[in-house]
C-alpha atoms as a PDB file:
ATOM      1  CA  MET A   1      50.122 109.369  39.286  1.00  0.00           C
ATOM      2  CA  SER A   2      46.819 110.546  40.830  1.00  0.00           C
ATOM      3  CA  THR A   3      43.539 109.818  39.028  1.00  0.00           C
ATOM      4  CA  VAL A   4      42.114 112.833  36.599  1.00  0.00           C
ATOM      5  CA  LYS A   5      38.453 113.789  36.105  1.00  0.00           C
ATOM      6  CA  ILE A   6      37.639 112.907  32.485  1.00  0.00           C
ATOM      7  CA  THR A   7      35.064 115.086  30.405  1.00  0.00           C
ATOM      8  CA  LYS A   8      33.944 115.114  26.903  1.00  0.00           C
ATOM      9  CA  GLU A   9      36.435 118.092  26.569  1.00  0.00           C
ATOM     10  CA  ASN A  10      39.566 116.551  27.886  1.00  0.00           C
ATOM     11  CA  LEU A  11      39.096 113.313  27.012  1.00  0.00           C
ATOM     12  CA  ASP A  12      41.374 113.358  23.899  1.00  0.00           C
ATOM     13  CA  LYS A  13      43.997 115.447  25.493  1.00  0.00           C
ATOM     14  CA  ILE A  14      44.044 112.737  28.074  1.00  0.00           C
ATOM     15  CA  ILE A  15      44.010 109.649  26.098  1.00  0.00           C
ATOM     16  CA  GLY A  16      46.877 111.162  23.890  1.00  0.00           C
ATOM     17  CA  ALA A  17      48.987 111.504  27.198  1.00  0.00           C
ATOM     18  CA  THR A  18      50.241 108.587  27.868  1.00  0.00           C
ATOM     19  CA  ASP A  19      50.534 104.970  25.873  1.00  0.00           C
ATOM     20  CA  ILE A  20      47.933 103.271  28.394  1.00  0.00           C
ATOM     21  CA  VAL A  21      45.238 104.947  30.169  1.00  0.00           C
ATOM     22  CA  VAL A  22      42.635 103.191  32.314  1.00  0.00           C
ATOM     23  CA  ILE A  23      39.441 105.013  32.750  1.00  0.00           C
ATOM     24  CA  LYS A  24      37.026 103.995  35.769  1.00  0.00           C
ATOM     25  CA  PHE A  25      33.433 104.932  35.145  1.00  0.00           C
ATOM     26  CA  THR A  26      31.542 105.646  37.917  1.00  0.00           C
ATOM     27  CA  ALA A  27      28.740 107.424  39.926  1.00  0.00           C
ATOM     28  CA  GLU A  28      28.223 109.182  43.206  1.00  0.00           C
ATOM     29  CA  TRP A  29      25.461 106.957  44.482  1.00  0.00           C
ATOM     30  CA  CYS A  30      27.306 103.574  43.332  1.00  0.00           C
ATOM     31  CA  GLY A  31      28.361 101.567  46.627  1.00  0.00           C
ATOM     32  CA  PRO A  32      30.791  99.140  44.786  1.00  0.00           C
ATOM     33  CA  CYS A  33      32.195 102.322  42.936  1.00  0.00           C
ATOM     34  CA  LYS A  34      33.076 103.820  46.392  1.00  0.00           C
ATOM     35  CA  SER A  35      34.605 100.198  47.450  1.00  0.00           C
ATOM     36  CA  PHE A  36      36.800 100.193  44.444  1.00  0.00           C
ATOM     37  CA  ALA A  37      38.030 103.862  44.472  1.00  0.00           C
ATOM     38  CA  PRO A  38      40.731 103.114  46.903  1.00  0.00           C
ATOM     39  CA  ILE A  39      42.139 100.183  45.279  1.00  0.00           C
ATOM     40  CA  TYR A  40      41.879 102.082  41.956  1.00  0.00           C
ATOM     41  CA  GLU A  41      44.188 104.940  43.921  1.00  0.00           C
ATOM     42  CA  GLU A  42      46.398 102.655  44.891  1.00  0.00           C
ATOM     43  CA  VAL A  43      47.160 101.013  42.169  1.00  0.00           C
ATOM     44  CA  SER A  44      47.511 104.329  40.270  1.00  0.00           C
ATOM     45  CA  GLN A  45      50.324 105.227  42.363  1.00  0.00           C
ATOM     46  CA  LYS A  46      52.246 102.208  41.241  1.00  0.00           C
ATOM     47  CA  TYR A  47      52.223 103.434  37.641  1.00  0.00           C
ATOM     48  CA  THR A  48      53.678 106.711  37.036  1.00  0.00           C
ATOM     49  CA  ASP A  49      53.979 105.623  33.272  1.00  0.00           C
ATOM     50  CA  VAL A  50      50.373 105.269  32.936  1.00  0.00           C
ATOM     51  CA  THR A  51      47.094 107.499  33.243  1.00  0.00           C
ATOM     52  CA  PHE A  52      44.371 106.907  35.291  1.00  0.00           C
ATOM     53  CA  GLY A  53      41.051 108.780  34.916  1.00  0.00           C
ATOM     54  CA  GLU A  54      37.826 108.589  35.965  1.00  0.00           C
ATOM     55  CA  ILE A  55      34.480 109.314  34.390  1.00  0.00           C
ATOM     56  CA  ASP A  56      31.265 110.280  36.337  1.00  0.00           C
ATOM     57  CA  THR A  57      28.522 108.403  34.418  1.00  0.00           C
ATOM     58  CA  GLU A  58      26.074 110.884  35.972  1.00  0.00           C
ATOM     59  CA  ALA A  59      27.747 114.252  34.641  1.00  0.00           C
ATOM     60  CA  GLN A  60      28.959 112.705  31.261  1.00  0.00           C
ATOM     61  CA  PRO A  61      26.127 110.608  30.123  1.00  0.00           C
ATOM     62  CA  GLU A  62      27.405 111.335  26.564  1.00  0.00           C
ATOM     63  CA  LEU A  63      30.861 109.576  27.181  1.00  0.00           C
ATOM     64  CA  ALA A  64      29.170 106.489  28.798  1.00  0.00           C
ATOM     65  CA  GLN A  65      26.870 106.158  25.878  1.00  0.00           C
ATOM     66  CA  GLU A  66      30.117 106.347  23.536  1.00  0.00           C
ATOM     67  CA  PHE A  67      31.646 103.471  25.600  1.00  0.00           C
ATOM     68  CA  ALA A  68      28.773 101.567  25.603  1.00  0.00           C
ATOM     69  CA  VAL A  69      28.869 101.665  29.669  1.00  0.00           C
ATOM     70  CA  ARG A  70      25.696  98.992  30.636  1.00  0.00           C
ATOM     71  CA  SER A  71      26.907  99.135  34.671  1.00  0.00           C
ATOM     72  CA  ILE A  72      29.229 100.500  36.962  1.00  0.00           C
ATOM     73  CA  PRO A  73      31.687 100.274  38.064  1.00  0.00           C
ATOM     74  CA  PHE A  74      33.079  99.726  34.419  1.00  0.00           C
ATOM     75  CA  LEU A  75      36.771  99.547  33.504  1.00  0.00           C
ATOM     76  CA  LEU A  76      38.293 100.519  30.183  1.00  0.00           C
ATOM     77  CA  ILE A  77      42.049 100.108  29.480  1.00  0.00           C
ATOM     78  CA  MET A  78      43.230 101.779  25.945  1.00  0.00           C
ATOM     79  CA  ARG A  79      46.974 101.346  24.458  1.00  0.00           C
ATOM     80  CA  GLU A  80      48.002 103.677  21.940  1.00  0.00           C
ATOM     81  CA  HIS A  81      44.021 104.570  21.418  1.00  0.00           C
ATOM     82  CA  VAL A  82      43.194 101.291  21.326  1.00  0.00           C
ATOM     83  CA  ILE A  83      40.606  99.701  23.776  1.00  0.00           C
ATOM     84  CA  VAL A  84      42.287  96.596  24.831  1.00  0.00           C
ATOM     85  CA  TYR A  85      39.933  95.421  27.938  1.00  0.00           C
ATOM     86  CA  SER A  86      36.528  96.580  29.265  1.00  0.00           C
ATOM     87  CA  GLY A  87      34.665  94.903  31.888  1.00  0.00           C
ATOM     88  CA  SER A  88      32.333  95.735  35.001  1.00  0.00           C
ATOM     89  CA  GLY A  89      32.659  95.095  38.584  1.00  0.00           C
ATOM     90  CA  THR A  90      35.198  95.664  40.783  1.00  0.00           C
ATOM     91  CA  LEU A  91      38.650  93.944  41.159  1.00  0.00           C
ATOM     92  CA  PRO A  92      41.188  93.404  43.736  1.00  0.00           C
ATOM     93  CA  ALA A  93      44.467  95.036  43.267  1.00  0.00           C
ATOM     94  CA  SER A  94      46.555  92.372  42.288  1.00  0.00           C
ATOM     95  CA  ALA A  95      44.088  91.412  39.194  1.00  0.00           C
ATOM     96  CA  LEU A  96      44.002  94.962  38.159  1.00  0.00           C
ATOM     97  CA  GLU A  97      47.627  95.048  38.168  1.00  0.00           C
ATOM     98  CA  ASP A  98      47.786  92.374  36.231  1.00  0.00           C
ATOM     99  CA  LEU A  99      45.480  93.885  33.253  1.00  0.00           C
ATOM    100  CA  ILE A 100      47.975  96.466  33.305  1.00  0.00           C
ATOM    101  CA  GLU A 101      50.811  94.293  32.974  1.00  0.00           C
ATOM    102  CA  GLN A 102      48.885  92.440  29.990  1.00  0.00           C
ATOM    103  CA  ALA A 103      48.406  95.905  28.231  1.00  0.00           C
ATOM    104  CA  LYS A 104      51.887  96.628  28.409  1.00  0.00           C
ATOM    105  CA  SER A 105      52.876  93.697  26.892  1.00  0.00           C
ATOM    106  CA  LEU A 106      50.856  93.494  23.941  1.00  0.00           C
ATOM    107  CA  ASP A 107      52.322  93.272  20.646  1.00  0.00           C
ATOM    108  CA  MET A 108      50.071  96.613  19.269  1.00  0.00           C
ATOM    109  CA  GLN A 109      51.362  96.151  15.797  1.00  0.00           C
ATOM    110  CA  GLU A 110      49.521  92.873  15.768  1.00  0.00           C
ATOM    111  CA  VAL A 111      46.743  93.816  17.748  1.00  0.00           C
ATOM    112  CA  LYS A 112      45.972  96.782  15.042  1.00  0.00           C
ATOM    113  CA  LYS A 113      46.331  94.474  12.309  1.00  0.00           C
ATOM    114  CA  GLN A 114      43.674  92.422  14.280  1.00  0.00           C
ATOM    115  CA  ALA A 115      41.554  95.453  14.802  1.00  0.00           C
ATOM    116  CA  ALA A 116      41.819  96.237  10.898  1.00  0.00           C
ATOM    117  CA  ASP A 117      41.227  92.516   9.377  1.00  0.00           C
ATOM    118  CA  LEU A 118      37.786  92.543  11.824  1.00  0.00           C
ATOM    119  CA  GLN A 119      36.872  95.950  10.220  1.00  0.00           C
ATOM    120  CA  LYS A 120      37.127  94.595   6.612  1.00  0.00           C
END
């Protein structure tokens, strides 16, 4: 699956499209973002059951603020509308694939229970 552009207008639709959504926050001027782009695209081709999205922090500053992006590239993995990973920096393909496999293997009932317990 190719990477989809995410905006504040289509965010909810994209997050609801698949069980797992991987979002890369980037900007045109960001050198590390450009070097990570082909890795991200390569991995997206291997996981047809996962949505891969990209948010341009310059065009969508509200989304960057909403997700507390402090430096880019910034990666966010959501499963069933729950953020299960977030971090800055580039990754090799093997590390990104490992994060996706970890997200797939999570017991989401337990994750949601722990999240609810933290909000008490």
